[in-house]
Amino acid sequence: DQDIHEHWDMEGNFNGNRYKFDIKTSKRIDPNFEHHNNHSFWVEGTSVNGDKGWVKGNADYIVFERAYDWCIADRKKLFDWVVKKLDENGFKKGKGHYEVYQRHNRKDKVTYVKYSDLPSDVAFFVEK
């Protein structure tokens, strides 16, 4: 239930504080292609049902699996940064980076983000 409605998968303690994490597995670029996308990822602002997407959820951190490392992003900072990038791009619609994409007959709204663009105060990388 917390995964679907609150958008977090696990929680744990670190330095006396409790944190919630939403884990995103590595995605293939194409289902028929064996290599995974280590360059960009989709950020979900609104779910397919029209509810808040995972970037607006209750997780403290979003953890993205990549081929050789993990990208760990502060969810609130990621949200603010993505909104800023979308605003700079005029909230342009499309499938490109920093454009708002909505699938036909769905309520979801997502945007494509480059890992290499993430500022160090938003995300950091840890080797596997």
N, C-alpha and C. Protein backbone atom coordinates (compact mmCIF):
# COMPACT_ATOMS: atom_id res chain seq x y z
N ASP A 1 0.83 -1.20 0.00
CA ASP A 1 0.00 0.00 0.00
C ASP A 1 0.87 1.26 0.00
N GLN A 2 1.93 1.25 0.84
CA GLN A 2 2.77 2.45 0.88
C GLN A 2 3.49 2.66 -0.44
N ASP A 3 3.81 1.59 -1.16
CA ASP A 3 4.48 1.72 -2.45
C ASP A 3 3.58 2.42 -3.46
N ILE A 4 2.31 2.05 -3.50
CA ILE A 4 1.37 2.59 -4.49
C ILE A 4 0.89 3.99 -4.12
N HIS A 5 0.54 4.21 -2.87
CA HIS A 5 -0.08 5.48 -2.47
C HIS A 5 0.89 6.49 -1.88
N GLU A 6 1.92 6.02 -1.20
CA GLU A 6 2.87 6.93 -0.57
C GLU A 6 4.19 6.99 -1.32
N HIS A 7 4.40 6.06 -2.24
CA HIS A 7 5.58 6.03 -3.11
C HIS A 7 6.90 5.88 -2.36
N TRP A 8 6.96 4.86 -1.51
CA TRP A 8 8.25 4.48 -0.91
C TRP A 8 8.27 2.98 -0.73
N ASP A 9 9.48 2.40 -0.80
CA ASP A 9 9.64 0.95 -0.77
C ASP A 9 10.20 0.43 0.55
N MET A 10 11.12 1.17 1.13
CA MET A 10 11.75 0.70 2.36
C MET A 10 12.17 1.90 3.21
N GLU A 11 12.40 1.63 4.49
CA GLU A 11 12.88 2.69 5.37
C GLU A 11 13.99 2.15 6.25
N GLY A 12 14.80 3.07 6.73
CA GLY A 12 15.92 2.65 7.57
C GLY A 12 16.47 3.81 8.37
N ASN A 13 17.33 3.49 9.33
CA ASN A 13 17.95 4.49 10.19
C ASN A 13 19.35 4.81 9.71
N PHE A 14 19.71 6.07 9.82
CA PHE A 14 21.07 6.51 9.54
C PHE A 14 21.37 7.70 10.44
N ASN A 15 22.43 7.57 11.22
CA ASN A 15 22.84 8.63 12.16
C ASN A 15 21.69 9.08 13.05
N GLY A 16 20.89 8.13 13.50
CA GLY A 16 19.79 8.44 14.41
C GLY A 16 18.54 8.98 13.76
N ASN A 17 18.53 9.10 12.45
CA ASN A 17 17.35 9.59 11.73
C ASN A 17 16.75 8.47 10.90
N ARG A 18 15.44 8.51 10.74
CA ARG A 18 14.72 7.50 9.95
C ARG A 18 14.40 8.10 8.59
N TYR A 19 14.71 7.34 7.53
CA TYR A 19 14.48 7.80 6.16
C TYR A 19 13.67 6.77 5.39
N LYS A 20 12.89 7.27 4.42
CA LYS A 20 12.14 6.41 3.50
C LYS A 20 12.76 6.53 2.11
N PHE A 21 12.85 5.37 1.43
CA PHE A 21 13.48 5.30 0.12
C PHE A 21 12.52 4.70 -0.90
N ASP A 22 12.50 5.27 -2.08
CA ASP A 22 11.77 4.71 -3.22
C ASP A 22 12.83 4.21 -4.18
N ILE A 23 12.84 2.91 -4.47
CA ILE A 23 13.87 2.30 -5.29
C ILE A 23 13.37 2.13 -6.73
N LYS A 24 14.13 2.64 -7.67
CA LYS A 24 13.80 2.52 -9.09
C LYS A 24 14.82 1.61 -9.76
N THR A 25 14.36 0.49 -10.30
CA THR A 25 15.28 -0.44 -10.94
C THR A 25 15.72 0.10 -12.30
N SER A 26 16.85 -0.40 -12.75
CA SER A 26 17.39 -0.01 -14.05
C SER A 26 16.41 -0.42 -15.14
N LYS A 27 16.18 0.46 -16.08
CA LYS A 27 15.24 0.20 -17.18
C LYS A 27 16.01 -0.01 -18.47
N ARG A 28 15.50 -0.92 -19.29
CA ARG A 28 16.07 -1.13 -20.61
C ARG A 28 15.63 -0.01 -21.54
N ILE A 29 16.52 0.35 -22.43
CA ILE A 29 16.19 1.37 -23.43
C ILE A 29 15.08 0.86 -24.33
N ASP A 30 15.18 -0.40 -24.68
CA ASP A 30 14.21 -1.07 -25.55
C ASP A 30 14.06 -2.49 -25.01
N PRO A 31 12.83 -3.00 -24.87
CA PRO A 31 12.64 -4.35 -24.33
C PRO A 31 13.42 -5.43 -25.08
N ASN A 32 13.71 -5.20 -26.35
CA ASN A 32 14.44 -6.17 -27.15
C ASN A 32 15.96 -5.94 -27.13
N PHE A 33 16.39 -4.94 -26.38
CA PHE A 33 17.80 -4.56 -26.34
C PHE A 33 18.32 -4.85 -24.94
N GLU A 34 19.45 -5.55 -24.83
CA GLU A 34 19.93 -6.02 -23.52
C GLU A 34 20.53 -4.92 -22.64
N HIS A 35 20.94 -3.79 -23.22
CA HIS A 35 21.58 -2.75 -22.43
C HIS A 35 20.55 -1.85 -21.74
N HIS A 36 20.93 -1.41 -20.55
CA HIS A 36 20.04 -0.56 -19.76
C HIS A 36 20.39 0.91 -19.95
N ASN A 37 19.44 1.76 -19.69
CA ASN A 37 19.64 3.19 -19.84
C ASN A 37 20.34 3.74 -18.61
N ASN A 38 21.59 4.12 -18.75
CA ASN A 38 22.37 4.70 -17.66
C ASN A 38 22.56 6.20 -17.84
N HIS A 39 21.86 6.79 -18.81
CA HIS A 39 22.06 8.20 -19.13
C HIS A 39 20.89 9.08 -18.71
N SER A 40 19.68 8.56 -18.78
CA SER A 40 18.50 9.36 -18.50
C SER A 40 17.45 8.53 -17.78
N PHE A 41 16.49 9.20 -17.18
CA PHE A 41 15.40 8.52 -16.48
C PHE A 41 14.15 9.37 -16.53
N TRP A 42 13.01 8.71 -16.38
CA TRP A 42 11.72 9.39 -16.36
C TRP A 42 11.38 9.79 -14.92
N VAL A 43 10.88 11.00 -14.75
CA VAL A 43 10.38 11.46 -13.46
C VAL A 43 8.86 11.58 -13.59
N GLU A 44 8.16 10.89 -12.69
CA GLU A 44 6.69 10.86 -12.71
C GLU A 44 6.13 11.94 -11.78
N GLY A 45 5.51 12.95 -12.38
CA GLY A 45 4.84 14.00 -11.61
C GLY A 45 3.41 13.64 -11.29
N THR A 46 2.74 13.00 -12.24
CA THR A 46 1.37 12.55 -12.07
C THR A 46 1.28 11.11 -12.55
N SER A 47 0.59 10.26 -11.78
CA SER A 47 0.49 8.84 -12.12
C SER A 47 -0.53 8.60 -13.23
N VAL A 48 -0.57 7.37 -13.74
CA VAL A 48 -1.53 7.04 -14.80
C VAL A 48 -2.97 7.21 -14.35
N ASN A 49 -3.22 7.17 -13.04
CA ASN A 49 -4.57 7.36 -12.52
C ASN A 49 -4.88 8.82 -12.23
N GLY A 50 -3.92 9.71 -12.44
CA GLY A 50 -4.12 11.13 -12.16
C GLY A 50 -3.76 11.51 -10.73
N ASP A 51 -3.20 10.56 -9.96
CA ASP A 51 -2.78 10.84 -8.59
C ASP A 51 -1.36 11.41 -8.60
N LYS A 52 -0.91 11.84 -7.43
CA LYS A 52 0.45 12.37 -7.35
C LYS A 52 1.45 11.29 -7.76
N GLY A 53 2.43 11.68 -8.53
CA GLY A 53 3.46 10.75 -8.97
C GLY A 53 4.50 10.56 -7.89
N TRP A 54 5.47 9.67 -8.13
CA TRP A 54 6.44 9.32 -7.09
C TRP A 54 7.32 10.49 -6.68
N VAL A 55 7.55 11.46 -7.56
CA VAL A 55 8.38 12.60 -7.17
C VAL A 55 7.67 13.51 -6.16
N LYS A 56 6.36 13.32 -6.01
CA LYS A 56 5.56 14.07 -5.02
C LYS A 56 5.17 13.19 -3.83
N GLY A 57 5.77 12.01 -3.75
CA GLY A 57 5.42 11.04 -2.71
C GLY A 57 6.05 11.34 -1.36
N ASN A 58 6.05 10.33 -0.49
CA ASN A 58 6.53 10.47 0.88
C ASN A 58 7.96 10.00 1.10
N ALA A 59 8.64 9.56 0.05
CA ALA A 59 10.03 9.11 0.21
C ALA A 59 10.92 10.32 0.50
N ASP A 60 11.94 10.09 1.30
CA ASP A 60 12.95 11.12 1.52
C ASP A 60 13.94 11.12 0.37
N TYR A 61 14.26 9.90 -0.12
CA TYR A 61 15.24 9.75 -1.20
C TYR A 61 14.71 8.80 -2.26
N ILE A 62 15.08 9.08 -3.51
CA ILE A 62 14.80 8.19 -4.63
C ILE A 62 16.14 7.56 -5.00
N VAL A 63 16.17 6.24 -5.10
CA VAL A 63 17.40 5.53 -5.42
C VAL A 63 17.22 4.87 -6.79
N PHE A 64 18.06 5.29 -7.74
CA PHE A 64 18.00 4.77 -9.09
C PHE A 64 19.12 3.76 -9.30
N GLU A 65 18.76 2.54 -9.69
CA GLU A 65 19.76 1.54 -10.03
C GLU A 65 20.28 1.83 -11.42
N ARG A 66 21.61 1.75 -11.57
CA ARG A 66 22.24 1.87 -12.88
C ARG A 66 23.17 0.67 -13.03
N ALA A 67 23.82 0.53 -14.16
CA ALA A 67 24.65 -0.65 -14.43
C ALA A 67 25.75 -0.84 -13.39
N TYR A 68 26.46 0.23 -13.05
CA TYR A 68 27.63 0.09 -12.18
C TYR A 68 27.54 0.90 -10.89
N ASP A 69 26.47 1.66 -10.75
CA ASP A 69 26.35 2.48 -9.55
C ASP A 69 24.88 2.73 -9.22
N TRP A 70 24.67 3.46 -8.15
CA TRP A 70 23.36 3.89 -7.71
C TRP A 70 23.36 5.42 -7.72
N CYS A 71 22.28 6.01 -8.17
CA CYS A 71 22.09 7.45 -8.07
C CYS A 71 21.09 7.67 -6.95
N ILE A 72 21.48 8.45 -5.96
CA ILE A 72 20.62 8.71 -4.80
C ILE A 72 20.25 10.18 -4.81
N ALA A 73 18.95 10.46 -4.97
CA ALA A 73 18.47 11.83 -5.09
C ALA A 73 17.56 12.20 -3.93
N ASP A 74 17.75 13.38 -3.40
CA ASP A 74 16.83 13.94 -2.41
C ASP A 74 15.52 14.24 -3.15
N ARG A 75 14.44 13.58 -2.76
CA ARG A 75 13.19 13.68 -3.51
C ARG A 75 12.69 15.12 -3.62
N LYS A 76 12.67 15.85 -2.53
CA LYS A 76 12.15 17.23 -2.55
C LYS A 76 13.00 18.13 -3.44
N LYS A 77 14.32 17.98 -3.33
CA LYS A 77 15.22 18.80 -4.16
C LYS A 77 15.10 18.41 -5.63
N LEU A 78 14.93 17.12 -5.90
CA LEU A 78 14.74 16.66 -7.27
C LEU A 78 13.46 17.27 -7.85
N PHE A 79 12.39 17.23 -7.09
CA PHE A 79 11.12 17.81 -7.54
C PHE A 79 11.30 19.29 -7.89
N ASP A 80 11.87 20.06 -6.96
CA ASP A 80 12.06 21.50 -7.19
C ASP A 80 12.94 21.76 -8.41
N TRP A 81 14.00 20.97 -8.56
CA TRP A 81 14.92 21.15 -9.68
C TRP A 81 14.24 20.83 -11.01
N VAL A 82 13.45 19.74 -11.04
CA VAL A 82 12.75 19.36 -12.28
C VAL A 82 11.73 20.43 -12.66
N VAL A 83 10.98 20.94 -11.69
CA VAL A 83 10.01 22.01 -11.99
C VAL A 83 10.73 23.23 -12.57
N LYS A 84 11.89 23.57 -12.02
CA LYS A 84 12.68 24.70 -12.53
C LYS A 84 13.10 24.44 -13.98
N LYS A 85 13.57 23.22 -14.27
CA LYS A 85 13.99 22.88 -15.64
C LYS A 85 12.80 22.93 -16.61
N LEU A 86 11.64 22.44 -16.16
CA LEU A 86 10.44 22.49 -17.00
C LEU A 86 10.03 23.94 -17.26
N ASP A 87 10.10 24.77 -16.24
CA ASP A 87 9.75 26.18 -16.36
C ASP A 87 10.69 26.88 -17.35
N GLU A 88 12.00 26.60 -17.23
CA GLU A 88 12.98 27.19 -18.15
C GLU A 88 12.69 26.79 -19.59
N ASN A 89 12.07 25.64 -19.78
CA ASN A 89 11.74 25.13 -21.11
C ASN A 89 10.30 25.48 -21.51
N GLY A 90 9.65 26.34 -20.71
CA GLY A 90 8.29 26.78 -21.04
C GLY A 90 7.24 25.68 -20.91
N PHE A 91 7.51 24.68 -20.09
CA PHE A 91 6.60 23.53 -19.92
C PHE A 91 6.17 22.96 -21.27
N LYS A 92 7.14 22.92 -22.16
CA LYS A 92 6.93 22.38 -23.51
C LYS A 92 6.49 20.92 -23.42
N LYS A 93 5.54 20.55 -24.29
CA LYS A 93 5.07 19.17 -24.33
C LYS A 93 5.89 18.37 -25.34
N GLY A 94 6.18 17.13 -24.98
CA GLY A 94 6.93 16.26 -25.87
C GLY A 94 7.62 15.16 -25.09
N LYS A 95 8.43 14.37 -25.79
CA LYS A 95 9.13 13.24 -25.18
C LYS A 95 10.60 13.55 -24.92
N GLY A 96 11.04 14.75 -25.21
CA GLY A 96 12.44 15.10 -25.04
C GLY A 96 12.77 15.40 -23.59
N HIS A 97 14.06 15.65 -23.34
CA HIS A 97 14.50 16.00 -22.00
C HIS A 97 13.83 17.32 -21.57
N TYR A 98 13.33 17.32 -20.35
CA TYR A 98 12.70 18.50 -19.72
C TYR A 98 11.48 19.00 -20.49
N GLU A 99 10.76 18.04 -21.05
CA GLU A 99 9.46 18.30 -21.67
C GLU A 99 8.42 17.46 -20.94
N VAL A 100 7.18 17.92 -20.94
CA VAL A 100 6.10 17.19 -20.26
C VAL A 100 5.48 16.22 -21.25
N TYR A 101 5.53 14.94 -20.90
CA TYR A 101 4.99 13.90 -21.77
C TYR A 101 3.81 13.22 -21.08
N GLN A 102 2.73 13.07 -21.85
CA GLN A 102 1.54 12.38 -21.35
C GLN A 102 1.12 11.38 -22.42
N ARG A 103 1.02 10.11 -22.00
CA ARG A 103 0.63 9.08 -22.96
C ARG A 103 -0.84 9.22 -23.35
N HIS A 104 -1.16 8.80 -24.55
CA HIS A 104 -2.51 8.87 -25.08
C HIS A 104 -3.49 8.12 -24.17
N ASN A 105 -4.60 8.74 -23.84
CA ASN A 105 -5.65 8.17 -22.99
C ASN A 105 -5.17 7.81 -21.59
N ARG A 106 -4.12 8.47 -21.11
CA ARG A 106 -3.62 8.27 -19.75
C ARG A 106 -3.56 9.63 -19.06
N LYS A 107 -3.55 9.61 -17.75
CA LYS A 107 -3.49 10.85 -16.98
C LYS A 107 -2.08 11.17 -16.50
N ASP A 108 -1.12 10.30 -16.82
CA ASP A 108 0.23 10.50 -16.31
C ASP A 108 0.91 11.70 -16.96
N LYS A 109 1.84 12.29 -16.22
CA LYS A 109 2.69 13.37 -16.73
C LYS A 109 4.10 13.08 -16.23
N VAL A 110 5.00 12.90 -17.18
CA VAL A 110 6.37 12.55 -16.86
C VAL A 110 7.32 13.44 -17.65
N THR A 111 8.55 13.49 -17.21
CA THR A 111 9.58 14.21 -17.96
C THR A 111 10.87 13.41 -17.92
N TYR A 112 11.65 13.54 -18.98
CA TYR A 112 12.89 12.80 -19.15
C TYR A 112 14.05 13.66 -18.63
N VAL A 113 14.87 13.09 -17.77
CA VAL A 113 15.96 13.82 -17.10
C VAL A 113 17.29 13.13 -17.36
N LYS A 114 18.33 13.91 -17.57
CA LYS A 114 19.68 13.37 -17.75
C LYS A 114 20.37 13.27 -16.39
N TYR A 115 20.94 12.10 -16.10
CA TYR A 115 21.70 11.94 -14.86
C TYR A 115 22.83 12.97 -14.78
N SER A 116 23.49 13.22 -15.91
CA SER A 116 24.65 14.11 -15.93
C SER A 116 24.29 15.56 -15.61
N ASP A 117 23.02 15.92 -15.72
CA ASP A 117 22.59 17.29 -15.41
C ASP A 117 22.31 17.51 -13.92
N LEU A 118 22.18 16.43 -13.17
CA LEU A 118 21.78 16.56 -11.76
C LEU A 118 22.85 17.28 -10.95
N PRO A 119 22.48 18.37 -10.26
CA PRO A 119 23.44 19.07 -9.41
C PRO A 119 23.82 18.22 -8.19
N SER A 120 25.00 18.44 -7.66
CA SER A 120 25.49 17.63 -6.53
C SER A 120 24.67 17.85 -5.26
N ASP A 121 23.94 18.95 -5.15
CA ASP A 121 23.09 19.14 -3.96
C ASP A 121 21.75 18.42 -4.11
N VAL A 122 21.47 17.89 -5.30
CA VAL A 122 20.23 17.15 -5.56
C VAL A 122 20.48 15.64 -5.49
N ALA A 123 21.61 15.19 -6.05
CA ALA A 123 21.86 13.75 -6.15
C ALA A 123 23.36 13.46 -6.06
N PHE A 124 23.67 12.22 -5.67
CA PHE A 124 25.04 11.75 -5.67
C PHE A 124 25.05 10.29 -6.13
N PHE A 125 26.23 9.81 -6.50
CA PHE A 125 26.37 8.47 -7.05
C PHE A 125 27.26 7.62 -6.15
N VAL A 126 26.86 6.33 -5.99
CA VAL A 126 27.60 5.39 -5.16
C VAL A 126 27.84 4.14 -5.99
N GLU A 127 29.10 3.68 -6.06
CA GLU A 127 29.41 2.46 -6.80
C GLU A 127 28.75 1.25 -6.16
N LYS A 128 28.39 0.27 -7.00
CA LYS A 128 27.79 -0.97 -6.50
C LYS A 128 28.87 -1.82 -5.88
